[in-house]
Amino acid sequence: IGFYKENDGGGAFYKIVSNAVPNEMDIIECNNSYYAVLINELDYITPKKIGAKSDFSDSTKYFQHLVDNYSNILIDGEFATDQITVSKDNVNINFTTDTIIKSLYVNDTLTEGLFKIGVTEPVTGFISILSTVNNSVTVSDARAFSVGDFVLLTMGENKIAYQIVNIINNVIYLNCDILEPATYIEKYKPISNIYING
């Protein structure tokens, strides 16, 4: 069983009804004027159950649908998404330890930054950004960072996660180009679980 093909993680049971509004996610229009409505037998729902593909294709509409319509969500795979908005209280989002989310767009510009969902981690002392050029950030003191660390850069109203690939003196090199000047840098610690209270 699967959503698109066998064993793709999207297998589920459905109730066939004669009247529904299809969305091709958890309400699917059948060929005979009937509709298949997802029956969620678990305590949680996954993106694959409503059609998201674990292949880094754009899953924004699936993620937004999940947080709009479900309270317990398990993210399990490799997905890509633009920004989503949690507009209700008590949405529980859990992640398997191998989940990776790819940030798709910032100001309509494609970025190649891969990052895991996580939380910021305090950095001892104040670290100021002196300059950003291409894929590098020059900071006042890089001793708090190591190659392989994830960092979160503040750029205007956006925060984007990157991974450190090299450090020379106080110049931190990241896994892809920085799209605009950054004003703040934080360590970013990938985690397996997160709770969002809208």
Protein backbone atom coordinates (compact mmCIF):
# COMPACT_ATOMS: atom_id res chain seq x y z
CA ILE A 1 0.00 0.00 0.00
CA GLY A 2 1.19 3.52 -0.79
CA PHE A 3 0.03 6.97 -1.84
CA TYR A 4 1.74 7.04 -5.27
CA LYS A 5 3.36 3.61 -5.34
CA GLU A 6 3.74 0.60 -3.09
CA ASN A 7 5.77 1.11 0.10
CA ASP A 8 6.26 4.88 -0.33
CA GLY A 9 5.11 5.47 3.25
CA GLY A 10 1.77 6.93 2.22
CA GLY A 11 -0.41 3.88 2.57
CA ALA A 12 -3.66 4.45 4.45
CA PHE A 13 -7.30 3.45 4.79
CA TYR A 14 -10.09 5.57 3.35
CA LYS A 15 -13.83 5.90 3.79
CA ILE A 16 -15.75 6.25 0.52
CA VAL A 17 -18.39 9.00 0.63
CA SER A 18 -20.70 10.59 -1.94
CA ASN A 19 -20.29 14.20 -0.86
CA ALA A 20 -17.00 15.96 0.01
CA VAL A 21 -14.69 18.73 -1.18
CA PRO A 22 -11.56 17.11 -2.64
CA ASN A 23 -8.10 18.49 -1.90
CA GLU A 24 -6.06 15.58 -3.32
CA MET A 25 -4.40 15.18 0.09
CA ASP A 26 -6.74 13.64 2.66
CA ILE A 27 -9.88 13.88 0.49
CA ILE A 28 -9.35 12.35 -2.94
CA GLU A 29 -11.82 12.44 -5.81
CA CYS A 30 -12.51 9.01 -7.32
CA ASN A 31 -13.50 8.36 -10.93
CA ASN A 32 -17.12 7.48 -10.12
CA SER A 33 -18.28 10.73 -8.42
CA TYR A 34 -17.32 9.39 -5.00
CA TYR A 35 -14.63 10.63 -2.66
CA ALA A 36 -12.06 8.81 -0.57
CA VAL A 37 -11.63 10.41 2.87
CA LEU A 38 -8.53 9.49 4.84
CA ILE A 39 -9.11 7.46 8.01
CA ASN A 40 -6.27 8.24 10.37
CA GLU A 41 -5.98 5.19 12.63
CA LEU A 42 -2.88 6.44 14.46
CA ASP A 43 -2.40 9.09 17.13
CA TYR A 44 -0.45 11.16 14.60
CA ILE A 45 -0.38 11.95 10.87
CA THR A 46 2.66 12.02 8.55
CA PRO A 47 3.21 14.14 5.42
CA LYS A 48 3.50 10.98 3.31
CA LYS A 49 -0.07 9.98 4.27
CA ILE A 50 -1.41 13.05 2.45
CA GLY A 51 0.89 12.91 -0.58
CA ALA A 52 4.16 14.63 0.35
CA LYS A 53 7.17 12.93 -1.24
CA SER A 54 10.36 12.23 0.69
CA ASP A 55 12.57 13.42 -2.17
CA PHE A 56 13.13 17.13 -1.43
CA SER A 57 10.35 18.19 -3.81
CA ASP A 58 8.23 21.14 -2.62
CA SER A 59 6.04 19.96 0.29
CA THR A 60 4.88 23.39 1.48
CA LYS A 61 1.17 22.82 0.76
CA TYR A 62 1.26 19.47 2.58
CA PHE A 63 3.00 20.90 5.65
CA GLN A 64 0.58 23.85 5.77
CA HIS A 65 -2.39 21.49 5.43
CA LEU A 66 -1.07 19.36 8.29
CA VAL A 67 -0.66 22.22 10.76
CA ASP A 68 -4.03 23.68 9.74
CA ASN A 69 -5.98 20.44 10.15
CA TYR A 70 -4.17 18.09 12.54
CA SER A 71 -2.83 18.36 16.09
CA ASN A 72 -0.25 15.54 16.20
CA ILE A 73 2.19 15.39 13.29
CA LEU A 74 5.21 13.16 12.72
CA ILE A 75 7.72 14.31 10.09
CA ASP A 76 9.64 11.32 8.78
CA GLY A 77 11.79 11.77 5.72
CA GLU A 78 13.54 14.30 3.48
CA PHE A 79 11.29 17.20 2.53
CA ALA A 80 11.52 20.72 1.15
CA THR A 81 9.27 23.54 2.26
CA ASP A 82 8.78 27.26 2.16
CA GLN A 83 7.64 29.09 5.30
CA ILE A 84 4.49 27.73 6.95
CA THR A 85 2.27 29.45 9.49
CA VAL A 86 0.95 27.81 12.65
CA SER A 87 -2.24 29.71 13.42
CA LYS A 88 -3.79 27.54 16.14
CA ASP A 89 -2.80 26.44 19.61
CA ASN A 90 -1.40 23.07 20.65
CA VAL A 91 0.10 21.67 17.48
CA ASN A 92 2.55 18.88 18.34
CA ILE A 93 5.19 18.27 15.67
CA ASN A 94 7.63 15.41 16.17
CA PHE A 95 10.54 14.43 13.95
CA THR A 96 12.35 11.18 13.43
CA THR A 97 16.09 11.54 14.04
CA ASP A 98 16.93 11.23 10.33
CA THR A 99 14.45 13.88 9.17
CA ILE A 100 15.95 16.65 7.02
CA ILE A 101 14.06 19.75 5.91
CA LYS A 102 15.32 21.79 2.96
CA SER A 103 14.57 25.50 3.00
CA LEU A 104 13.22 26.37 -0.45
CA TYR A 105 12.79 30.09 -0.83
CA VAL A 106 13.89 33.29 0.78
CA ASN A 107 12.63 36.45 -0.90
CA ASP A 108 11.81 34.31 -3.97
CA THR A 109 15.45 33.26 -4.39
CA LEU A 110 16.34 29.57 -4.39
CA THR A 111 18.81 28.52 -1.72
CA GLU A 112 20.64 25.22 -1.45
CA GLY A 113 20.84 25.22 2.35
CA LEU A 114 20.01 21.86 3.87
CA PHE A 115 19.25 21.79 7.55
CA LYS A 116 17.56 19.73 10.21
CA ILE A 117 14.76 21.12 12.32
CA GLY A 118 16.23 22.31 15.57
CA VAL A 119 16.55 24.98 18.20
CA THR A 120 19.09 27.73 18.73
CA GLU A 121 21.83 27.15 21.25
CA PRO A 122 23.35 30.01 23.29
CA VAL A 123 26.87 31.10 22.31
CA THR A 124 29.09 32.24 25.17
CA GLY A 125 29.79 35.97 24.90
CA PHE A 126 28.65 38.39 22.25
CA ILE A 127 29.58 37.44 18.69
CA SER A 128 29.24 40.29 16.21
CA ILE A 129 29.18 39.85 12.44
CA LEU A 130 31.75 42.05 10.74
CA SER A 131 30.93 41.13 7.12
CA THR A 132 29.24 38.55 4.87
CA VAL A 133 30.67 37.70 1.44
CA ASN A 134 29.43 34.87 -0.79
CA ASN A 135 29.41 31.80 1.49
CA SER A 136 31.49 33.29 4.31
CA VAL A 137 30.79 35.20 7.52
CA THR A 138 33.52 37.14 9.29
CA VAL A 139 32.83 37.34 13.02
CA SER A 140 34.53 39.04 15.95
CA ASP A 141 35.42 35.68 17.54
CA ALA A 142 34.90 32.27 15.90
CA ARG A 143 36.18 30.15 18.83
CA ALA A 144 32.63 29.13 19.84
CA PHE A 145 32.05 27.45 16.46
CA SER A 146 33.35 24.22 14.91
CA VAL A 147 33.32 22.67 11.44
CA GLY A 148 30.09 20.68 11.11
CA ASP A 149 28.08 22.98 13.40
CA PHE A 150 24.76 24.33 12.20
CA VAL A 151 24.25 28.09 12.54
CA LEU A 152 21.22 30.31 12.16
CA LEU A 153 21.78 33.66 10.43
CA THR A 154 19.37 36.57 10.83
CA MET A 155 18.91 38.47 7.57
CA GLY A 156 16.26 41.14 7.81
CA GLU A 157 13.05 39.37 8.88
CA ASN A 158 14.37 35.96 7.82
CA LYS A 159 16.37 33.37 9.72
CA ILE A 160 18.17 30.77 7.61
CA ALA A 161 20.13 27.74 8.80
CA TYR A 162 23.49 26.78 7.29
CA GLN A 163 26.20 24.27 8.10
CA ILE A 164 29.81 25.27 8.72
CA VAL A 165 32.22 23.63 6.25
CA ASN A 166 35.44 25.44 7.23
CA ILE A 167 36.80 28.04 9.64
CA ILE A 168 39.95 30.09 9.01
CA ASN A 169 40.81 32.53 11.81
CA ASN A 170 37.51 34.39 12.34
CA VAL A 171 36.06 33.65 8.89
CA ILE A 172 33.32 31.00 8.92
CA TYR A 173 32.62 29.27 5.58
CA LEU A 174 29.12 27.88 5.06
CA ASN A 175 27.63 25.18 2.83
CA CYS A 176 26.05 27.70 0.42
CA ASP A 177 25.99 31.39 -0.45
CA ILE A 178 24.38 33.93 1.88
CA LEU A 179 21.62 35.79 0.06
CA GLU A 180 21.81 39.10 1.90
CA PRO A 181 23.89 40.69 4.68
CA ALA A 182 23.42 38.92 8.01
CA THR A 183 23.08 40.82 11.27
CA TYR A 184 23.13 38.02 13.85
CA ILE A 185 24.55 34.50 14.14
CA GLU A 186 23.43 31.74 16.49
CA LYS A 187 24.39 28.11 16.95
CA TYR A 188 21.63 25.85 15.69
CA LYS A 189 21.25 22.44 17.32
CA PRO A 190 19.32 19.79 15.35
CA ILE A 191 16.81 17.92 17.49
CA SER A 192 14.46 14.98 17.01
CA ASN A 193 11.37 16.54 18.60
CA ILE A 194 9.83 19.99 18.72
CA TYR A 195 6.64 21.37 20.25
CA ILE A 196 4.96 24.37 18.67
CA ASN A 197 2.34 26.24 20.63
CA GLY A 198 0.77 28.54 18.03
